[in-house]
C-alpha atoms as a PDB file:
ATOM      1  CA  UNK A   1      -7.157  -7.399  18.703  1.00  0.00           C
ATOM      2  CA  UNK A   2      -6.832  -5.280  15.556  1.00  0.00           C
ATOM      3  CA  UNK A   3      -8.842  -5.066  12.353  1.00  0.00           C
ATOM      4  CA  UNK A   4      -6.901  -4.482   9.125  1.00  0.00           C
ATOM      5  CA  UNK A   5      -7.838  -3.773   5.541  1.00  0.00           C
ATOM      6  CA  UNK A   6      -5.118  -4.136   2.931  1.00  0.00           C
ATOM      7  CA  UNK A   7      -5.641  -2.997  -0.637  1.00  0.00           C
ATOM      8  CA  UNK A   8      -3.524  -5.022  -3.043  1.00  0.00           C
ATOM      9  CA  UNK A   9      -3.327  -7.833  -0.535  1.00  0.00           C
ATOM     10  CA  UNK A  10      -2.833 -10.860  -2.779  1.00  0.00           C
ATOM     11  CA  UNK A  11       0.729 -10.484  -4.033  1.00  0.00           C
ATOM     12  CA  UNK A  12       4.153  -9.050  -3.261  1.00  0.00           C
ATOM     13  CA  UNK A  13       4.208  -6.477  -0.489  1.00  0.00           C
ATOM     14  CA  UNK A  14       0.477  -6.807   0.193  1.00  0.00           C
ATOM     15  CA  UNK A  15       0.879 -10.532   0.738  1.00  0.00           C
ATOM     16  CA  UNK A  16       3.799  -9.841   3.080  1.00  0.00           C
ATOM     17  CA  UNK A  17       1.615  -7.429   5.075  1.00  0.00           C
ATOM     18  CA  UNK A  18      -1.099 -10.088   5.288  1.00  0.00           C
ATOM     19  CA  UNK A  19       1.398 -12.589   6.692  1.00  0.00           C
ATOM     20  CA  UNK A  20       3.620 -10.369   8.810  1.00  0.00           C
ATOM     21  CA  UNK A  21       1.433  -7.681  10.391  1.00  0.00           C
ATOM     22  CA  UNK A  22      -1.553  -9.334  12.117  1.00  0.00           C
ATOM     23  CA  UNK A  23      -1.345 -11.372  15.292  1.00  0.00           C
ATOM     24  CA  UNK A  24      -3.442 -14.289  16.485  1.00  0.00           C
ATOM     25  CA  UNK A  25      -7.067 -13.237  16.842  1.00  0.00           C
ATOM     26  CA  UNK A  26      -6.806 -10.251  14.483  1.00  0.00           C
ATOM     27  CA  UNK A  27      -9.148  -9.758  11.519  1.00  0.00           C
ATOM     28  CA  UNK A  28      -7.843  -8.775   8.116  1.00  0.00           C
ATOM     29  CA  UNK A  29      -9.717  -7.980   4.914  1.00  0.00           C
ATOM     30  CA  UNK A  30      -7.712  -8.329   1.711  1.00  0.00           C
ATOM     31  CA  UNK A  31      -8.819  -6.353  -1.340  1.00  0.00           C
ATOM     32  CA  UNK A  32      -7.634  -7.707  -4.690  1.00  0.00           C
ATOM     33  CA  UNK A  33      -8.738  -9.127  -8.025  1.00  0.00           C
ATOM     34  CA  UNK A  34      -7.021 -12.490  -7.506  1.00  0.00           C
ATOM     35  CA  UNK A  35      -7.575 -14.774  -4.528  1.00  0.00           C
ATOM     36  CA  UNK A  36      -4.866 -14.304  -1.857  1.00  0.00           C
ATOM     37  CA  UNK A  37      -2.976 -17.469  -0.974  1.00  0.00           C
ATOM     38  CA  UNK A  38      -2.700 -16.280   2.640  1.00  0.00           C
ATOM     39  CA  UNK A  39      -6.386 -17.198   3.067  1.00  0.00           C
ATOM     40  CA  UNK A  40      -5.225 -20.804   3.338  1.00  0.00           C
ATOM     41  CA  UNK A  41      -2.995 -20.171   6.370  1.00  0.00           C
ATOM     42  CA  UNK A  42      -4.092 -21.705   9.657  1.00  0.00           C
ATOM     43  CA  UNK A  43      -2.377 -19.411  12.151  1.00  0.00           C
ATOM     44  CA  UNK A  44      -5.234 -18.061  14.261  1.00  0.00           C
ATOM     45  CA  UNK A  45      -5.658 -14.940  12.126  1.00  0.00           C
ATOM     46  CA  UNK A  46      -9.059 -14.343  10.516  1.00  0.00           C
ATOM     47  CA  UNK A  47      -8.539 -13.396   6.853  1.00  0.00           C
ATOM     48  CA  UNK A  48     -11.314 -12.421   4.444  1.00  0.00           C
ATOM     49  CA  UNK A  49     -11.178 -11.669   0.739  1.00  0.00           C
ATOM     50  CA  UNK A  50     -12.954  -8.770  -0.938  1.00  0.00           C
ATOM     51  CA  UNK A  51     -12.761  -9.440  -4.653  1.00  0.00           C
ATOM     52  CA  UNK A  52     -12.644  -6.036  -6.314  1.00  0.00           C
ATOM     53  CA  UNK A  53     -11.405  -4.230  -9.420  1.00  0.00           C
ATOM     54  CA  UNK A  54     -10.096  -0.874  -8.220  1.00  0.00           C
ATOM     55  CA  UNK A  55     -10.316   0.637 -11.696  1.00  0.00           C
ATOM     56  CA  UNK A  56     -14.141   0.674 -11.437  1.00  0.00           C
ATOM     57  CA  UNK A  57     -15.849   3.833 -10.184  1.00  0.00           C
ATOM     58  CA  UNK A  58     -18.301   2.186  -7.775  1.00  0.00           C
ATOM     59  CA  UNK A  59     -15.867  -0.261  -6.184  1.00  0.00           C
ATOM     60  CA  UNK A  60     -15.507   1.941  -3.099  1.00  0.00           C
ATOM     61  CA  UNK A  61     -19.189   1.500  -2.293  1.00  0.00           C
ATOM     62  CA  UNK A  62     -18.909  -2.279  -2.645  1.00  0.00           C
ATOM     63  CA  UNK A  63     -15.989  -2.378  -0.208  1.00  0.00           C
ATOM     64  CA  UNK A  64     -17.637  -0.021   2.275  1.00  0.00           C
ATOM     65  CA  UNK A  65     -20.828  -2.089   2.247  1.00  0.00           C
ATOM     66  CA  UNK A  66     -18.849  -5.258   2.983  1.00  0.00           C
ATOM     67  CA  UNK A  67     -17.278  -3.597   6.030  1.00  0.00           C
ATOM     68  CA  UNK A  68     -20.405  -1.846   7.282  1.00  0.00           C
ATOM     69  CA  UNK A  69     -20.500  -1.971  11.077  1.00  0.00           C
ATOM     70  CA  UNK A  70     -16.863  -3.049  11.490  1.00  0.00           C
ATOM     71  CA  UNK A  71     -14.168  -0.929  13.110  1.00  0.00           C
ATOM     72  CA  UNK A  72     -10.954  -0.537  11.115  1.00  0.00           C
ATOM     73  CA  UNK A  73      -7.729   0.045  13.034  1.00  0.00           C
ATOM     74  CA  UNK A  74      -5.247  -0.117  10.158  1.00  0.00           C
ATOM     75  CA  UNK A  75      -5.888   0.720   6.505  1.00  0.00           C
ATOM     76  CA  UNK A  76      -3.090   0.153   3.994  1.00  0.00           C
ATOM     77  CA  UNK A  77      -3.463   1.358   0.415  1.00  0.00           C
ATOM     78  CA  UNK A  78      -0.760  -0.708  -1.235  1.00  0.00           C
ATOM     79  CA  UNK A  79      -1.626  -0.329  -4.902  1.00  0.00           C
ATOM     80  CA  UNK A  80       0.553   0.737  -7.786  1.00  0.00           C
ATOM     81  CA  UNK A  81       0.153  -0.242 -11.416  1.00  0.00           C
ATOM     82  CA  UNK A  82       2.353   1.180 -14.127  1.00  0.00           C
ATOM     83  CA  UNK A  83       2.696   1.406 -17.873  1.00  0.00           C
ATOM     84  CA  UNK A  84       2.720  -2.015 -19.576  1.00  0.00           C
ATOM     85  CA  UNK A  85       6.185  -1.348 -21.019  1.00  0.00           C
ATOM     86  CA  UNK A  86       7.127   1.124 -18.317  1.00  0.00           C
ATOM     87  CA  UNK A  87      10.308  -0.521 -17.121  1.00  0.00           C
ATOM     88  CA  UNK A  88      11.510  -2.037 -20.403  1.00  0.00           C
ATOM     89  CA  UNK A  89      14.426  -0.700 -22.397  1.00  0.00           C
ATOM     90  CA  UNK A  90      12.212   0.381 -25.299  1.00  0.00           C
ATOM     91  CA  UNK A  91       9.668   2.307 -23.188  1.00  0.00           C
ATOM     92  CA  UNK A  92       8.415   5.501 -24.854  1.00  0.00           C
ATOM     93  CA  UNK A  93       5.909   7.758 -23.103  1.00  0.00           C
ATOM     94  CA  UNK A  94       4.659   9.048 -26.454  1.00  0.00           C
ATOM     95  CA  UNK A  95       3.306   5.587 -27.249  1.00  0.00           C
ATOM     96  CA  UNK A  96       1.256   5.245 -24.040  1.00  0.00           C
ATOM     97  CA  UNK A  97      -2.401   4.545 -24.790  1.00  0.00           C
ATOM     98  CA  UNK A  98      -4.978   6.958 -23.371  1.00  0.00           C
ATOM     99  CA  UNK A  99      -6.990   4.167 -21.724  1.00  0.00           C
ATOM    100  CA  UNK A 100      -3.860   2.873 -20.000  1.00  0.00           C
ATOM    101  CA  UNK A 101      -3.013   6.351 -18.680  1.00  0.00           C
ATOM    102  CA  UNK A 102      -6.561   6.706 -17.374  1.00  0.00           C
ATOM    103  CA  UNK A 103      -6.453   3.314 -15.661  1.00  0.00           C
ATOM    104  CA  UNK A 104      -3.158   4.086 -13.906  1.00  0.00           C
ATOM    105  CA  UNK A 105      -4.558   7.317 -12.474  1.00  0.00           C
ATOM    106  CA  UNK A 106      -7.868   5.691 -11.518  1.00  0.00           C
ATOM    107  CA  UNK A 107      -6.295   2.747  -9.701  1.00  0.00           C
ATOM    108  CA  UNK A 108      -3.343   4.509  -8.079  1.00  0.00           C
ATOM    109  CA  UNK A 109      -5.067   7.775  -7.139  1.00  0.00           C
ATOM    110  CA  UNK A 110      -8.819   8.051  -7.633  1.00  0.00           C
ATOM    111  CA  UNK A 111      -9.548   4.724  -5.964  1.00  0.00           C
ATOM    112  CA  UNK A 112      -7.317   5.615  -3.022  1.00  0.00           C
ATOM    113  CA  UNK A 113      -9.281   8.814  -2.433  1.00  0.00           C
ATOM    114  CA  UNK A 114     -12.752   7.306  -2.833  1.00  0.00           C
ATOM    115  CA  UNK A 115     -12.102   4.119  -0.855  1.00  0.00           C
ATOM    116  CA  UNK A 116     -10.543   5.971   2.063  1.00  0.00           C
ATOM    117  CA  UNK A 117     -13.408   8.479   2.010  1.00  0.00           C
ATOM    118  CA  UNK A 118     -15.962   5.681   2.277  1.00  0.00           C
ATOM    119  CA  UNK A 119     -14.049   3.875   5.053  1.00  0.00           C
ATOM    120  CA  UNK A 120     -13.360   6.867   7.302  1.00  0.00           C
ATOM    121  CA  UNK A 121     -16.466   6.115   9.432  1.00  0.00           C
ATOM    122  CA  UNK A 122     -14.948   2.704  10.205  1.00  0.00           C
ATOM    123  CA  UNK A 123     -11.575   4.251  11.098  1.00  0.00           C
ATOM    124  CA  UNK A 124     -13.161   6.880  13.345  1.00  0.00           C
ATOM    125  CA  UNK A 125     -14.398   4.052  15.595  1.00  0.00           C
ATOM    126  CA  UNK A 126     -10.819   2.934  16.318  1.00  0.00           C
ATOM    127  CA  UNK A 127      -9.004   4.064  19.457  1.00  0.00           C
ATOM    128  CA  UNK A 128      -5.780   4.467  17.464  1.00  0.00           C
ATOM    129  CA  UNK A 129      -6.549   4.423  13.747  1.00  0.00           C
ATOM    130  CA  UNK A 130      -3.720   4.413  11.221  1.00  0.00           C
ATOM    131  CA  UNK A 131      -3.720   4.918   7.460  1.00  0.00           C
ATOM    132  CA  UNK A 132      -0.709   3.896   5.384  1.00  0.00           C
ATOM    133  CA  UNK A 133      -0.223   4.984   1.789  1.00  0.00           C
ATOM    134  CA  UNK A 134       2.452   3.058  -0.088  1.00  0.00           C
ATOM    135  CA  UNK A 135       4.111   5.475  -2.478  1.00  0.00           C
ATOM    136  CA  UNK A 136       7.462   5.137  -4.232  1.00  0.00           C
ATOM    137  CA  UNK A 137      10.810   6.867  -4.587  1.00  0.00           C
ATOM    138  CA  UNK A 138       9.504   7.554  -8.105  1.00  0.00           C
ATOM    139  CA  UNK A 139       7.212  10.085  -6.430  1.00  0.00           C
ATOM    140  CA  UNK A 140      10.077  12.070  -4.910  1.00  0.00           C
ATOM    141  CA  UNK A 141      11.849  15.080  -6.366  1.00  0.00           C
ATOM    142  CA  UNK A 142      14.968  14.763  -8.534  1.00  0.00           C
ATOM    143  CA  UNK A 143      14.460  11.256  -9.879  1.00  0.00           C
ATOM    144  CA  UNK A 144      15.135  10.147 -13.436  1.00  0.00           C
ATOM    145  CA  UNK A 145      11.996   8.089 -14.088  1.00  0.00           C
ATOM    146  CA  UNK A 146      10.305   8.760 -17.449  1.00  0.00           C
ATOM    147  CA  UNK A 147       7.072   6.815 -16.764  1.00  0.00           C
ATOM    148  CA  UNK A 148       4.946   9.955 -16.544  1.00  0.00           C
ATOM    149  CA  UNK A 149       1.598   8.484 -15.496  1.00  0.00           C
ATOM    150  CA  UNK A 150       3.090   6.204 -12.842  1.00  0.00           C
ATOM    151  CA  UNK A 151       5.344   8.941 -11.481  1.00  0.00           C
ATOM    152  CA  UNK A 152       2.465  11.425 -11.448  1.00  0.00           C
ATOM    153  CA  UNK A 153       0.321   8.987  -9.490  1.00  0.00           C
ATOM    154  CA  UNK A 154       3.031   8.443  -6.889  1.00  0.00           C
ATOM    155  CA  UNK A 155       3.545  12.182  -6.443  1.00  0.00           C
ATOM    156  CA  UNK A 156      -0.235  12.312  -6.037  1.00  0.00           C
ATOM    157  CA  UNK A 157      -0.203   9.682  -3.298  1.00  0.00           C
ATOM    158  CA  UNK A 158       1.957  12.036  -1.261  1.00  0.00           C
ATOM    159  CA  UNK A 159      -0.565  14.802  -1.909  1.00  0.00           C
ATOM    160  CA  UNK A 160      -3.375  12.603  -0.639  1.00  0.00           C
ATOM    161  CA  UNK A 161      -1.394  11.958   2.513  1.00  0.00           C
ATOM    162  CA  UNK A 162      -0.662  15.636   3.140  1.00  0.00           C
ATOM    163  CA  UNK A 163      -4.274  16.775   2.901  1.00  0.00           C
ATOM    164  CA  UNK A 164      -5.882  13.675   4.408  1.00  0.00           C
ATOM    165  CA  UNK A 165      -3.639  14.008   7.438  1.00  0.00           C
ATOM    166  CA  UNK A 166      -5.040  17.446   8.142  1.00  0.00           C
ATOM    167  CA  UNK A 167      -8.620  16.274   7.705  1.00  0.00           C
ATOM    168  CA  UNK A 168      -8.368  13.317  10.102  1.00  0.00           C
ATOM    169  CA  UNK A 169      -6.158  14.939  12.709  1.00  0.00           C
ATOM    170  CA  UNK A 170      -9.214  15.871  14.792  1.00  0.00           C
ATOM    171  CA  UNK A 171     -10.121  12.169  14.941  1.00  0.00           C
ATOM    172  CA  UNK A 172      -6.631  11.165  16.147  1.00  0.00           C
ATOM    173  CA  UNK A 173      -6.078   9.093  12.985  1.00  0.00           C
ATOM    174  CA  UNK A 174      -2.483   8.951  11.801  1.00  0.00           C
ATOM    175  CA  UNK A 175      -1.598   9.098   8.098  1.00  0.00           C
ATOM    176  CA  UNK A 176       1.814   7.883   6.964  1.00  0.00           C
ATOM    177  CA  UNK A 177       3.121   7.805   3.403  1.00  0.00           C
ATOM    178  CA  UNK A 178       5.935   5.294   2.834  1.00  0.00           C
ATOM    179  CA  UNK A 179       8.047   5.771  -0.298  1.00  0.00           C
ATOM    180  CA  UNK A 180      10.180   2.670  -0.907  1.00  0.00           C
ATOM    181  CA  UNK A 181      12.679   2.039  -3.638  1.00  0.00           C
ATOM    182  CA  UNK A 182      12.765  -1.284  -5.459  1.00  0.00           C
ATOM    183  CA  UNK A 183      11.463  -4.109  -3.279  1.00  0.00           C
ATOM    184  CA  UNK A 184      12.455  -7.738  -3.761  1.00  0.00           C
ATOM    185  CA  UNK A 185       8.865  -8.942  -4.196  1.00  0.00           C
ATOM    186  CA  UNK A 186      10.057 -11.936  -6.236  1.00  0.00           C
ATOM    187  CA  UNK A 187      11.437 -13.569  -3.069  1.00  0.00           C
ATOM    188  CA  UNK A 188       8.517 -14.694  -0.840  1.00  0.00           C
ATOM    189  CA  UNK A 189       8.247 -13.202   2.629  1.00  0.00           C
ATOM    190  CA  UNK A 190       8.661 -16.536   4.378  1.00  0.00           C
ATOM    191  CA  UNK A 191      12.033 -17.198   2.688  1.00  0.00           C
ATOM    192  CA  UNK A 192      13.668 -14.533   4.852  1.00  0.00           C
ATOM    193  CA  UNK A 193      15.906 -11.495   4.634  1.00  0.00           C
ATOM    194  CA  UNK A 194      19.199 -13.316   4.140  1.00  0.00           C
ATOM    195  CA  UNK A 195      18.125 -14.661   0.760  1.00  0.00           C
ATOM    196  CA  UNK A 196      17.380 -11.125  -0.457  1.00  0.00           C
ATOM    197  CA  UNK A 197      20.672  -9.763   0.850  1.00  0.00           C
ATOM    198  CA  UNK A 198      22.570 -12.576  -0.816  1.00  0.00           C
ATOM    199  CA  UNK A 199      20.759 -12.226  -4.151  1.00  0.00           C
ATOM    200  CA  UNK A 200      20.707  -8.432  -4.471  1.00  0.00           C
ATOM    201  CA  UNK A 201      23.468  -7.118  -2.202  1.00  0.00           C
ATOM    202  CA  UNK A 202      21.759  -3.873  -1.225  1.00  0.00           C
ATOM    203  CA  UNK A 203      20.133  -2.998  -4.550  1.00  0.00           C
ATOM    204  CA  UNK A 204      16.654  -4.210  -3.510  1.00  0.00           C
ATOM    205  CA  UNK A 205      14.773  -3.975  -0.214  1.00  0.00           C
ATOM    206  CA  UNK A 206      13.554  -7.085   1.641  1.00  0.00           C
ATOM    207  CA  UNK A 207       9.794  -7.262   2.164  1.00  0.00           C
ATOM    208  CA  UNK A 208      10.476  -7.717   5.860  1.00  0.00           C
ATOM    209  CA  UNK A 209      11.923  -4.204   6.153  1.00  0.00           C
ATOM    210  CA  UNK A 210       8.716  -2.547   4.924  1.00  0.00           C
ATOM    211  CA  UNK A 211       6.594  -4.804   7.124  1.00  0.00           C
ATOM    212  CA  UNK A 212       8.760  -3.833  10.115  1.00  0.00           C
ATOM    213  CA  UNK A 213       8.321  -0.133   9.343  1.00  0.00           C
ATOM    214  CA  UNK A 214       4.537  -0.397   9.216  1.00  0.00           C
ATOM    215  CA  UNK A 215       4.441  -2.513  12.363  1.00  0.00           C
ATOM    216  CA  UNK A 216       6.506   0.074  14.220  1.00  0.00           C
ATOM    217  CA  UNK A 217       4.331   3.025  13.197  1.00  0.00           C
ATOM    218  CA  UNK A 218       1.008   1.265  13.730  1.00  0.00           C
ATOM    219  CA  UNK A 219       2.013   0.426  17.309  1.00  0.00           C
ATOM    220  CA  UNK A 220       2.879   4.019  18.210  1.00  0.00           C
ATOM    221  CA  UNK A 221       0.427   5.890  20.405  1.00  0.00           C
ATOM    222  CA  UNK A 222      -2.067   8.345  18.910  1.00  0.00           C
ATOM    223  CA  UNK A 223       0.101  11.159  20.256  1.00  0.00           C
ATOM    224  CA  UNK A 224       2.671  10.516  17.510  1.00  0.00           C
ATOM    225  CA  UNK A 225       2.339  11.474  13.848  1.00  0.00           C
ATOM    226  CA  UNK A 226       4.781   9.907  11.398  1.00  0.00           C
ATOM    227  CA  UNK A 227       4.135  11.856   8.209  1.00  0.00           C
ATOM    228  CA  UNK A 228       6.430  10.372   5.588  1.00  0.00           C
ATOM    229  CA  UNK A 229       9.189   7.791   5.309  1.00  0.00           C
ATOM    230  CA  UNK A 230      11.526   7.602   2.311  1.00  0.00           C
ATOM    231  CA  UNK A 231      13.335   4.267   2.106  1.00  0.00           C
ATOM    232  CA  UNK A 232      15.433   3.658  -1.008  1.00  0.00           C
ATOM    233  CA  UNK A 233      17.615   0.599  -1.255  1.00  0.00           C
ATOM    234  CA  UNK A 234      21.095   1.311   0.075  1.00  0.00           C
ATOM    235  CA  UNK A 235      22.718   0.925  -3.370  1.00  0.00           C
ATOM    236  CA  UNK A 236      19.802   2.175  -5.468  1.00  0.00           C
ATOM    237  CA  UNK A 237      21.276   4.380  -8.227  1.00  0.00           C
ATOM    238  CA  UNK A 238      18.105   6.541  -8.124  1.00  0.00           C
ATOM    239  CA  UNK A 239      18.354   7.147  -4.365  1.00  0.00           C
END
């Protein structure tokens, strides 16, 4: 039996993790602003919702208090907001509002640091604790993204992973940063891989592939340390 906490667990990849990672009898806490639909599933998995706004400074304390006394085996920080016009044709960094820049950094970076800090006591109680940080190919060198705040935050996620890994090594907690390219989040997990392959022909990654990666790493022994995985789509022009 495993205990999971998934940040950003109500939609897209987080929802896929909530459906595809746990097994019957496992407990999973889903952190999000909107209610996860996976709470309605009747599959023998115990799912709980922690309603939280990760842009708020004290949210880490709220989450830690909710999980006080519980062991955490797998923590996944799957959060990434970006500029409101960040991927539109008329995007212009010079028009980004200061409050939006601040929110992107707070949600994507500051909250990751503070929430993990508060939950480390729970992870230390696990026999084989794993932390997963979901980054992006936008956070890798030699890309052509111009969304400065988003890109900065995803480079920062890798920095969190590098230093956190050294801090928790003595507790046998693994830290893995996964940097995917564009994921086909618009096709629900339960509709399968073939639909994604047919619709996007190698330009977007099926949710199932990222779920399979995490499942593989989380089931490795504590003797193994998988530091970073870069997984662009096969035909991603930014790969």
